[in-house]
């Protein structure tokens, strides 16, 4: 009996050693099972908390840029110009603020300085910056009645970014101001489909349809734009938009006559298209004073600030690219046409 017990204990000793070795090996491999899952979840949670903390941190530089952009969207060009200078003094120069500064110079009647600012940005390594500078030059040249130069710059901007609805719409409008409605066909339709809720883009399409004698299609489009898309949502156009559109149409038809050397059919009266009475345009409203005389484009045109008295400032085809600088479209001896 004693012999049997002794043999059993001798036999168990190697098994205990093997079990200890296995346990040691398992421990060296790190946590397994539920422990590993819990550790991984904790690490992921920590990472997410760190990312959330970064997102909630306020970037004063970006906040300032957004403030200037909002000023420009509200057509507060003089104020935004002052703030671009203050921004550069505090944070230094960078392409984004230089573009904003050039836009402000263009819209405060300082064409030469604006042109210099845009030209300096054409060498920037970022293609988006170059496209915006090209577009700025196009708007500047159009405000000065240099439509071939404006078209050339806008076309180069389009080649850099072929799906920018604002550039396409500006290009189409420049062609129409140059009396070339055929050339406006492709870019205006592309812009309209790329930006179906952009009031300025859609009104440029309506202008093209009316100028190319597609009055039924233009009427249908304007009727749709005058209806709110949803409850408590204002319609895209209002009565002021229609007055502006009529002024634009006469300007484009005058350019077409001049280019073709002949006469065009008498434009339809304002009552031929639906007059609407909806809320103010939701995006980049196009308005024109009802008393503004409609004449052929004048040489070296200029525009008036959006609010308050002040010196004339040039405009033309305007935009919504990172900042919205879509102004009024006005045609008078002292003021240019602009979308």
Protein backbone atom coordinates (compact mmCIF):
# COMPACT_ATOMS: atom_id res chain seq x y z
CA UNK A 1 0.00 0.00 0.00
CA UNK A 2 2.76 2.43 0.86
CA UNK A 3 4.53 1.54 -2.38
CA UNK A 4 1.47 2.45 -4.42
CA UNK A 5 1.10 5.85 -2.77
CA UNK A 6 4.74 6.59 -3.31
CA UNK A 7 4.53 5.75 -7.00
CA UNK A 8 1.46 7.94 -7.40
CA UNK A 9 3.17 10.97 -5.85
CA UNK A 10 6.25 10.46 -8.01
CA UNK A 11 4.05 10.31 -11.09
CA UNK A 12 2.13 13.49 -10.13
CA UNK A 13 5.23 15.66 -9.70
CA UNK A 14 6.01 15.95 -13.44
CA UNK A 15 2.36 16.78 -14.14
CA UNK A 16 2.44 19.60 -11.61
CA UNK A 17 5.65 20.94 -13.14
CA UNK A 18 4.10 20.83 -16.63
CA UNK A 19 0.98 22.62 -15.43
CA UNK A 20 3.11 25.33 -13.82
CA UNK A 21 5.08 25.76 -17.01
CA UNK A 22 1.89 26.07 -19.04
CA UNK A 23 0.48 28.65 -16.65
CA UNK A 24 3.73 30.63 -16.83
CA UNK A 25 3.62 30.53 -20.63
CA UNK A 26 0.04 31.72 -20.72
CA UNK A 27 0.83 34.56 -18.36
CA UNK A 28 3.71 35.69 -20.60
CA UNK A 29 1.29 36.08 -23.54
CA UNK A 30 -0.66 38.84 -21.80
CA UNK A 31 -4.37 39.09 -20.90
CA UNK A 32 -6.75 36.84 -22.75
CA UNK A 33 -10.51 36.50 -22.96
CA UNK A 34 -12.72 39.07 -21.23
CA UNK A 35 -9.77 40.90 -19.72
CA UNK A 36 -8.33 41.70 -23.16
CA UNK A 37 -11.69 42.92 -24.45
CA UNK A 38 -12.15 45.20 -21.47
CA UNK A 39 -8.68 46.67 -21.89
CA UNK A 40 -9.27 47.26 -25.62
CA UNK A 41 -12.61 48.96 -24.97
CA UNK A 42 -11.05 51.20 -22.35
CA UNK A 43 -8.30 52.22 -24.76
CA UNK A 44 -10.82 53.05 -27.49
CA UNK A 45 -12.89 55.08 -25.05
CA UNK A 46 -9.81 57.01 -24.02
CA UNK A 47 -8.99 57.76 -27.66
CA UNK A 48 -12.52 58.94 -28.34
CA UNK A 49 -12.44 61.21 -25.30
CA UNK A 50 -9.17 62.73 -26.48
CA UNK A 51 -10.60 63.35 -29.95
CA UNK A 52 -13.74 64.92 -28.48
CA UNK A 53 -11.61 67.19 -26.33
CA UNK A 54 -9.69 68.32 -29.40
CA UNK A 55 -12.90 69.04 -31.29
CA UNK A 56 -14.32 71.12 -28.47
CA UNK A 57 -11.24 73.28 -28.24
CA UNK A 58 -11.87 76.72 -29.76
CA UNK A 59 -9.45 77.78 -32.49
CA UNK A 60 -9.35 81.60 -32.27
CA UNK A 61 -7.70 81.91 -35.67
CA UNK A 62 -10.38 79.87 -37.44
CA UNK A 63 -13.10 81.66 -35.49
CA UNK A 64 -11.76 85.00 -36.72
CA UNK A 65 -11.69 83.75 -40.31
CA UNK A 66 -15.30 82.62 -39.99
CA UNK A 67 -16.26 86.03 -38.66
CA UNK A 68 -14.71 87.78 -41.66
CA UNK A 69 -16.40 85.32 -44.00
CA UNK A 70 -19.77 86.08 -42.44
CA UNK A 71 -19.17 89.81 -42.92
CA UNK A 72 -18.52 89.25 -46.60
CA UNK A 73 -21.60 87.08 -46.96
CA UNK A 74 -23.57 90.01 -45.53
CA UNK A 75 -21.92 92.39 -48.05
CA UNK A 76 -20.09 94.22 -45.26
CA UNK A 77 -17.06 94.66 -47.46
CA UNK A 78 -15.56 97.72 -45.81
CA UNK A 79 -15.70 96.15 -42.36
CA UNK A 80 -14.28 92.88 -43.65
CA UNK A 81 -11.41 94.73 -45.32
CA UNK A 82 -10.45 96.31 -42.02
CA UNK A 83 -10.60 92.93 -40.30
CA UNK A 84 -8.40 91.26 -42.92
CA UNK A 85 -5.72 93.78 -42.04
CA UNK A 86 -6.20 93.15 -38.33
CA UNK A 87 -6.05 89.39 -38.89
CA UNK A 88 -2.78 89.60 -40.81
CA UNK A 89 -1.26 91.77 -38.10
CA UNK A 90 -2.23 89.25 -35.42
CA UNK A 91 -1.74 85.92 -37.18
CA UNK A 92 0.37 86.70 -40.23
CA UNK A 93 -0.43 86.32 -43.91
CA UNK A 94 -1.88 83.15 -45.42
CA UNK A 95 -3.63 82.37 -48.73
CA UNK A 96 -7.12 82.23 -47.26
CA UNK A 97 -6.99 85.70 -45.71
CA UNK A 98 -5.25 87.10 -48.79
CA UNK A 99 -8.12 85.87 -50.94
CA UNK A 100 -10.62 87.47 -48.59
CA UNK A 101 -8.65 90.70 -48.68
CA UNK A 102 -8.59 90.70 -52.50
CA UNK A 103 -12.35 90.06 -52.56
CA UNK A 104 -12.89 92.98 -50.17
CA UNK A 105 -10.67 95.26 -52.26
CA UNK A 106 -12.62 94.31 -55.39
CA UNK A 107 -15.91 95.10 -53.71
CA UNK A 108 -14.77 98.43 -52.29
CA UNK A 109 -13.73 99.89 -55.63
CA UNK A 110 -10.00 99.19 -55.39
CA UNK A 111 -9.64 97.23 -58.60
CA UNK A 112 -5.91 97.66 -59.11
CA UNK A 113 -5.03 96.44 -55.64
CA UNK A 114 -7.50 93.58 -55.97
CA UNK A 115 -5.95 92.53 -59.26
CA UNK A 116 -2.49 92.56 -57.72
CA UNK A 117 -3.72 90.45 -54.84
CA UNK A 118 -5.29 87.85 -57.10
CA UNK A 119 -2.29 87.76 -59.44
CA UNK A 120 0.07 87.11 -56.52
CA UNK A 121 -1.98 84.06 -55.55
CA UNK A 122 -1.74 82.40 -58.97
CA UNK A 123 1.64 80.93 -57.98
CA UNK A 124 0.25 79.27 -54.86
CA UNK A 125 0.88 75.48 -54.80
CA UNK A 126 -2.72 74.78 -53.77
CA UNK A 127 -4.96 74.39 -56.83
CA UNK A 128 -8.04 75.47 -54.87
CA UNK A 129 -6.42 78.79 -54.05
CA UNK A 130 -5.46 79.29 -57.69
CA UNK A 131 -9.01 78.52 -58.81
CA UNK A 132 -10.42 81.10 -56.41
CA UNK A 133 -7.89 83.69 -57.56
CA UNK A 134 -8.77 83.01 -61.21
CA UNK A 135 -12.41 83.40 -60.36
CA UNK A 136 -11.75 86.65 -58.54
CA UNK A 137 -9.97 88.00 -61.60
CA UNK A 138 -12.90 86.92 -63.75
CA UNK A 139 -15.34 88.78 -61.54
CA UNK A 140 -13.11 91.84 -61.52
CA UNK A 141 -12.73 91.94 -65.30
CA UNK A 142 -16.44 91.40 -65.81
CA UNK A 143 -17.22 94.35 -63.53
CA UNK A 144 -15.04 96.44 -65.82
CA UNK A 145 -16.81 95.25 -68.96
CA UNK A 146 -13.78 93.20 -70.07
CA UNK A 147 -15.88 90.16 -70.85
CA UNK A 148 -13.36 88.21 -73.01
CA UNK A 149 -10.76 88.50 -70.22
CA UNK A 150 -13.37 87.57 -67.64
CA UNK A 151 -14.39 84.50 -69.63
CA UNK A 152 -10.76 83.41 -70.02
CA UNK A 153 -10.14 83.58 -66.26
CA UNK A 154 -13.40 81.85 -65.37
CA UNK A 155 -12.71 79.11 -67.91
CA UNK A 156 -9.33 78.44 -66.30
CA UNK A 157 -11.03 78.29 -62.91
CA UNK A 158 -13.54 75.83 -64.36
CA UNK A 159 -10.77 73.60 -65.66
CA UNK A 160 -9.26 73.42 -62.17
CA UNK A 161 -12.60 72.60 -60.53
CA UNK A 162 -15.15 71.42 -63.14
CA UNK A 163 -17.90 70.82 -60.57
CA UNK A 164 -17.92 74.27 -58.94
CA UNK A 165 -21.47 75.45 -59.63
CA UNK A 166 -20.62 79.07 -58.83
CA UNK A 167 -17.79 79.18 -61.35
CA UNK A 168 -19.96 77.51 -63.99
CA UNK A 169 -22.80 79.94 -63.37
CA UNK A 170 -20.45 82.93 -63.49
CA UNK A 171 -18.94 81.64 -66.73
CA UNK A 172 -22.37 81.26 -68.31
CA UNK A 173 -23.41 84.73 -67.20
CA UNK A 174 -20.20 86.27 -68.58
CA UNK A 175 -20.93 84.62 -71.94
CA UNK A 176 -24.44 86.08 -71.89
CA UNK A 177 -23.15 89.55 -71.03
CA UNK A 178 -20.84 89.16 -74.01
CA UNK A 179 -23.85 88.38 -76.19
CA UNK A 180 -23.00 84.68 -76.62
CA UNK A 181 -25.97 82.73 -75.35
CA UNK A 182 -24.89 79.60 -77.24
CA UNK A 183 -21.64 79.45 -75.28
CA UNK A 184 -23.62 79.79 -72.04
CA UNK A 185 -25.70 76.68 -72.74
CA UNK A 186 -23.42 73.99 -71.28
CA UNK A 187 -22.09 75.75 -68.15
CA UNK A 188 -25.48 77.14 -67.12
CA UNK A 189 -27.17 73.74 -67.34
CA UNK A 190 -24.31 72.08 -65.47
CA UNK A 191 -24.49 74.70 -62.72
CA UNK A 192 -28.27 74.36 -62.42
CA UNK A 193 -28.10 70.61 -61.93
CA UNK A 194 -25.15 70.82 -59.54
CA UNK A 195 -26.84 73.46 -57.35
CA UNK A 196 -30.62 73.04 -57.57
CA UNK A 197 -31.22 75.06 -54.39
CA UNK A 198 -28.95 78.00 -55.25
CA UNK A 199 -31.20 80.95 -56.13
CA UNK A 200 -28.60 82.85 -58.12
CA UNK A 201 -27.65 79.81 -60.18
CA UNK A 202 -31.30 79.00 -60.92
CA UNK A 203 -32.05 82.59 -61.91
CA UNK A 204 -29.12 82.51 -64.31
CA UNK A 205 -30.71 79.45 -65.88
CA UNK A 206 -34.02 81.33 -66.16
CA UNK A 207 -32.16 84.24 -67.77
CA UNK A 208 -30.57 81.90 -70.30
CA UNK A 209 -33.94 80.34 -71.16
CA UNK A 210 -35.55 83.73 -71.66
CA UNK A 211 -32.64 85.11 -73.69
CA UNK A 212 -32.69 82.04 -75.96
CA UNK A 213 -36.46 82.44 -76.50
CA UNK A 214 -37.45 79.40 -74.42
CA UNK A 215 -40.16 81.32 -72.58
CA UNK A 216 -42.34 78.34 -71.67
CA UNK A 217 -39.47 76.56 -69.94
CA UNK A 218 -38.43 79.79 -68.21
CA UNK A 219 -41.98 80.34 -66.95
CA UNK A 220 -42.17 76.81 -65.56
CA UNK A 221 -38.82 77.22 -63.81
CA UNK A 222 -39.74 80.57 -62.28
CA UNK A 223 -43.08 79.23 -61.11
CA UNK A 224 -41.30 76.36 -59.35
CA UNK A 225 -38.73 78.67 -57.77
CA UNK A 226 -41.49 80.93 -56.47
CA UNK A 227 -43.07 78.09 -54.49
CA UNK A 228 -41.70 77.15 -51.04
CA UNK A 229 -39.99 73.76 -51.11
CA UNK A 230 -41.38 72.87 -47.68
CA UNK A 231 -43.48 74.28 -44.87
CA UNK A 232 -41.86 77.26 -43.11
CA UNK A 233 -39.19 77.38 -45.83
CA UNK A 234 -39.11 80.57 -47.94
CA UNK A 235 -39.24 80.36 -51.71
CA UNK A 236 -36.00 80.87 -53.57
CA UNK A 237 -37.17 83.98 -55.44
CA UNK A 238 -39.41 86.95 -54.77
CA UNK A 239 -40.77 89.95 -56.66
CA UNK A 240 -37.46 91.80 -56.42
CA UNK A 241 -35.76 88.84 -58.08
CA UNK A 242 -38.17 89.12 -60.98
CA UNK A 243 -37.45 92.82 -61.42
CA UNK A 244 -33.75 92.07 -61.47
CA UNK A 245 -34.26 89.30 -63.99
CA UNK A 246 -36.09 91.66 -66.36
CA UNK A 247 -33.22 94.15 -66.15
CA UNK A 248 -30.72 91.40 -66.85
CA UNK A 249 -32.70 90.15 -69.82
CA UNK A 250 -32.72 93.55 -71.50
CA UNK A 251 -28.98 93.90 -70.91
CA UNK A 252 -28.25 90.49 -72.41
CA UNK A 253 -30.49 91.18 -75.40
CA UNK A 254 -28.68 94.46 -75.98
CA UNK A 255 -25.36 92.59 -75.96
CA UNK A 256 -26.78 90.04 -78.40
CA UNK A 257 -27.89 92.79 -80.78
CA UNK A 258 -24.51 94.43 -80.60
CA UNK A 259 -22.68 91.18 -81.30
CA UNK A 260 -25.01 90.04 -84.08
CA UNK A 261 -25.26 93.44 -85.68
CA UNK A 262 -29.02 93.08 -86.01
CA UNK A 263 -32.26 93.35 -84.16
CA UNK A 264 -33.83 90.81 -81.86
CA UNK A 265 -37.53 90.34 -81.15
CA UNK A 266 -38.97 92.80 -78.66
CA UNK A 267 -38.46 91.37 -75.18
CA UNK A 268 -41.57 90.11 -73.42
CA UNK A 269 -43.00 92.52 -70.83
CA UNK A 270 -42.50 91.85 -67.16
CA UNK A 271 -46.03 90.45 -66.87
CA UNK A 272 -45.13 87.62 -69.24
CA UNK A 273 -43.33 85.83 -66.41
CA UNK A 274 -44.90 85.10 -63.03
CA UNK A 275 -44.45 87.78 -60.41
CA UNK A 276 -44.00 86.26 -56.99
CA UNK A 277 -44.41 87.60 -53.49
CA UNK A 278 -42.48 85.19 -51.29
CA UNK A 279 -39.99 85.73 -48.50
CA UNK A 280 -36.54 87.12 -49.11
CA UNK A 281 -34.22 84.91 -51.11
CA UNK A 282 -32.84 82.12 -48.93
CA UNK A 283 -29.35 82.30 -50.38
CA UNK A 284 -27.45 85.20 -51.95
CA UNK A 285 -30.48 87.34 -52.83
CA UNK A 286 -30.44 89.13 -56.14
CA UNK A 287 -32.28 92.39 -55.81
CA UNK A 288 -32.45 95.54 -57.85
CA UNK A 289 -34.09 98.88 -57.12
CA UNK A 290 -37.33 99.23 -59.05
CA UNK A 291 -36.35 102.74 -60.10
CA UNK A 292 -32.99 101.79 -61.59
CA UNK A 293 -32.98 102.66 -65.32
CA UNK A 294 -32.14 99.82 -67.67
CA UNK A 295 -29.58 100.72 -70.33
CA UNK A 296 -26.73 99.15 -72.21
CA UNK A 297 -23.61 98.36 -70.17
CA UNK A 298 -21.50 101.43 -69.56
CA UNK A 299 -17.75 101.62 -69.73
CA UNK A 300 -15.86 101.28 -66.44
CA UNK A 301 -18.98 100.44 -64.43
CA UNK A 302 -19.18 100.53 -60.66
CA UNK A 303 -21.55 99.36 -57.97
CA UNK A 304 -22.95 100.71 -54.72
CA UNK A 305 -22.34 99.21 -51.28
CA UNK A 306 -25.07 96.94 -50.01
CA UNK A 307 -25.96 99.25 -47.12
CA UNK A 308 -25.44 102.89 -46.37
CA UNK A 309 -23.92 105.67 -48.46
CA UNK A 310 -20.40 105.51 -49.74
CA UNK A 311 -18.24 105.60 -52.86
CA UNK A 312 -19.08 103.42 -55.84
CA UNK A 313 -17.49 100.01 -55.91
CA UNK A 314 -17.08 97.64 -58.85
CA UNK A 315 -18.82 94.32 -59.00
CA UNK A 316 -19.75 91.81 -61.62
CA UNK A 317 -20.32 88.14 -61.61
CA UNK A 318 -20.12 87.29 -57.97
CA UNK A 319 -19.92 84.09 -56.10
CA UNK A 320 -20.34 81.84 -53.12
CA UNK A 321 -17.03 79.96 -53.09
CA UNK A 322 -15.64 79.62 -49.57
CA UNK A 323 -17.15 83.04 -48.89
CA UNK A 324 -20.31 84.30 -50.52
CA UNK A 325 -19.70 87.43 -52.52
CA UNK A 326 -22.80 87.32 -54.68
CA UNK A 327 -23.97 90.90 -55.08
CA UNK A 328 -26.81 92.61 -56.76
CA UNK A 329 -27.31 92.63 -60.50
CA UNK A 330 -27.79 96.21 -61.50
CA UNK A 331 -27.42 97.90 -64.86
CA UNK A 332 -27.24 101.67 -65.06
CA UNK A 333 -24.79 104.27 -66.40
CA UNK A 334 -22.95 104.37 -63.06
CA UNK A 335 -23.44 100.78 -61.93
CA UNK A 336 -22.45 97.43 -63.43
CA UNK A 337 -24.34 94.25 -63.93
CA UNK A 338 -23.65 91.47 -61.49
CA UNK A 339 -25.37 88.23 -60.59
